[in-house]
């Protein structure tokens, strides 16, 4: 997988022992949730410091601009993920037809 978090694949290269698919899936889930939790905590702490720095009016504008950026970034992320899946599927078909 090229676009996502491939913690388990890299970890098995470091450790040198092959991982079972269930363990790889579990480690990827833990890494994804850990990243989400980290982003959530960073957002909460940064808003704590940004609010006094900007004031109420500018903080509201900051929220509106941030919401618009998220709204615009969502289709971009969606298309990136769809394209990545398309490429991975095509690569899998090519490997399957090559006999590997």
Protein backbone atom coordinates (compact mmCIF):
# COMPACT_ATOMS: atom_id res chain seq x y z
CA UNK A 1 0.00 0.00 0.00
CA UNK A 2 1.59 3.26 -1.06
CA UNK A 3 -0.80 5.93 0.15
CA UNK A 4 -1.63 4.79 3.69
CA UNK A 5 0.16 3.97 6.87
CA UNK A 6 2.10 0.76 6.43
CA UNK A 7 3.55 0.39 9.88
CA UNK A 8 3.40 -3.39 10.02
CA UNK A 9 5.17 -3.89 6.71
CA UNK A 10 8.04 -1.63 7.72
CA UNK A 11 8.17 -3.17 11.18
CA UNK A 12 8.53 -6.68 9.79
CA UNK A 13 11.49 -5.49 7.71
CA UNK A 14 13.13 -4.07 10.83
CA UNK A 15 12.42 -7.06 13.04
CA UNK A 16 13.28 -9.54 10.31
CA UNK A 17 10.43 -11.96 11.00
CA UNK A 18 7.32 -12.21 8.84
CA UNK A 19 4.07 -11.02 10.38
CA UNK A 20 0.73 -12.69 10.19
CA UNK A 21 -1.95 -10.75 8.30
CA UNK A 22 -4.02 -10.37 11.48
CA UNK A 23 -1.11 -8.84 13.37
CA UNK A 24 -0.36 -6.50 10.47
CA UNK A 25 -4.00 -5.37 10.36
CA UNK A 26 -4.03 -4.85 14.13
CA UNK A 27 -0.85 -2.75 14.07
CA UNK A 28 -2.18 -0.63 11.20
CA UNK A 29 -5.42 -0.03 13.13
CA UNK A 30 -3.48 0.96 16.25
CA UNK A 31 -1.26 3.30 14.22
CA UNK A 32 -4.25 4.92 12.50
CA UNK A 33 -6.14 5.46 15.75
CA UNK A 34 -2.98 6.72 17.42
CA UNK A 35 -2.46 9.26 14.66
CA UNK A 36 -6.10 10.38 14.90
CA UNK A 37 -5.81 10.78 18.68
CA UNK A 38 -2.57 12.76 18.28
CA UNK A 39 -4.19 15.13 15.76
CA UNK A 40 -7.21 15.57 18.06
CA UNK A 41 -5.02 16.43 21.06
CA UNK A 42 -2.92 18.83 18.99
CA UNK A 43 -6.08 20.54 17.74
CA UNK A 44 -7.47 20.93 21.24
CA UNK A 45 -4.25 22.37 22.62
CA UNK A 46 -3.68 24.69 19.68
CA UNK A 47 -7.23 26.08 19.93
CA UNK A 48 -6.55 26.78 23.59
CA UNK A 49 -3.63 29.01 22.62
CA UNK A 50 -5.11 30.47 19.43
CA UNK A 51 -8.31 31.77 21.10
CA UNK A 52 -6.57 34.23 23.45
CA UNK A 53 -4.16 35.29 20.69
CA UNK A 54 -6.87 36.06 18.11
CA UNK A 55 -9.82 37.13 20.22
CA UNK A 56 -13.43 36.01 19.83
CA UNK A 57 -14.21 37.69 16.51
CA UNK A 58 -11.05 36.60 14.74
CA UNK A 59 -11.33 33.10 16.26
CA UNK A 60 -14.80 32.78 14.71
CA UNK A 61 -13.36 33.80 11.35
CA UNK A 62 -10.53 31.30 11.93
CA UNK A 63 -13.14 28.57 12.45
CA UNK A 64 -15.06 29.52 9.31
CA UNK A 65 -11.91 29.56 7.17
CA UNK A 66 -10.79 26.25 8.69
CA UNK A 67 -14.19 24.72 7.97
CA UNK A 68 -14.09 25.91 4.38
CA UNK A 69 -10.59 24.49 3.96
CA UNK A 70 -11.76 21.15 5.31
CA UNK A 71 -14.78 21.22 3.03
CA UNK A 72 -12.55 21.88 0.03
CA UNK A 73 -9.91 19.33 1.10
CA UNK A 74 -12.44 16.50 1.47
CA UNK A 75 -13.00 15.93 -2.28
CA UNK A 76 -9.25 16.19 -2.86
CA UNK A 77 -8.59 13.47 -0.28
CA UNK A 78 -11.42 11.38 -1.65
CA UNK A 79 -9.99 11.52 -5.17
CA UNK A 80 -6.47 10.76 -3.91
CA UNK A 81 -7.65 7.66 -2.08
CA UNK A 82 -9.73 6.49 -5.06
CA UNK A 83 -6.77 6.96 -7.40
CA UNK A 84 -4.47 5.08 -5.03
CA UNK A 85 -6.92 2.18 -4.85
CA UNK A 86 -7.19 2.13 -8.63
CA UNK A 87 -3.40 1.96 -8.99
CA UNK A 88 -3.07 -0.75 -6.33
CA UNK A 89 -5.81 -2.81 -7.99
CA UNK A 90 -4.15 -2.47 -11.40
CA UNK A 91 -0.78 -3.40 -9.89
CA UNK A 92 -2.33 -6.46 -8.27
CA UNK A 93 -3.84 -7.53 -11.59
CA UNK A 94 -0.48 -7.10 -13.29
CA UNK A 95 1.27 -9.21 -10.62
CA UNK A 96 -1.47 -11.83 -10.83
CA UNK A 97 -1.19 -12.08 -14.60
CA UNK A 98 2.61 -12.27 -14.36
CA UNK A 99 2.27 -15.24 -12.04
CA UNK A 100 3.61 -13.57 -8.91
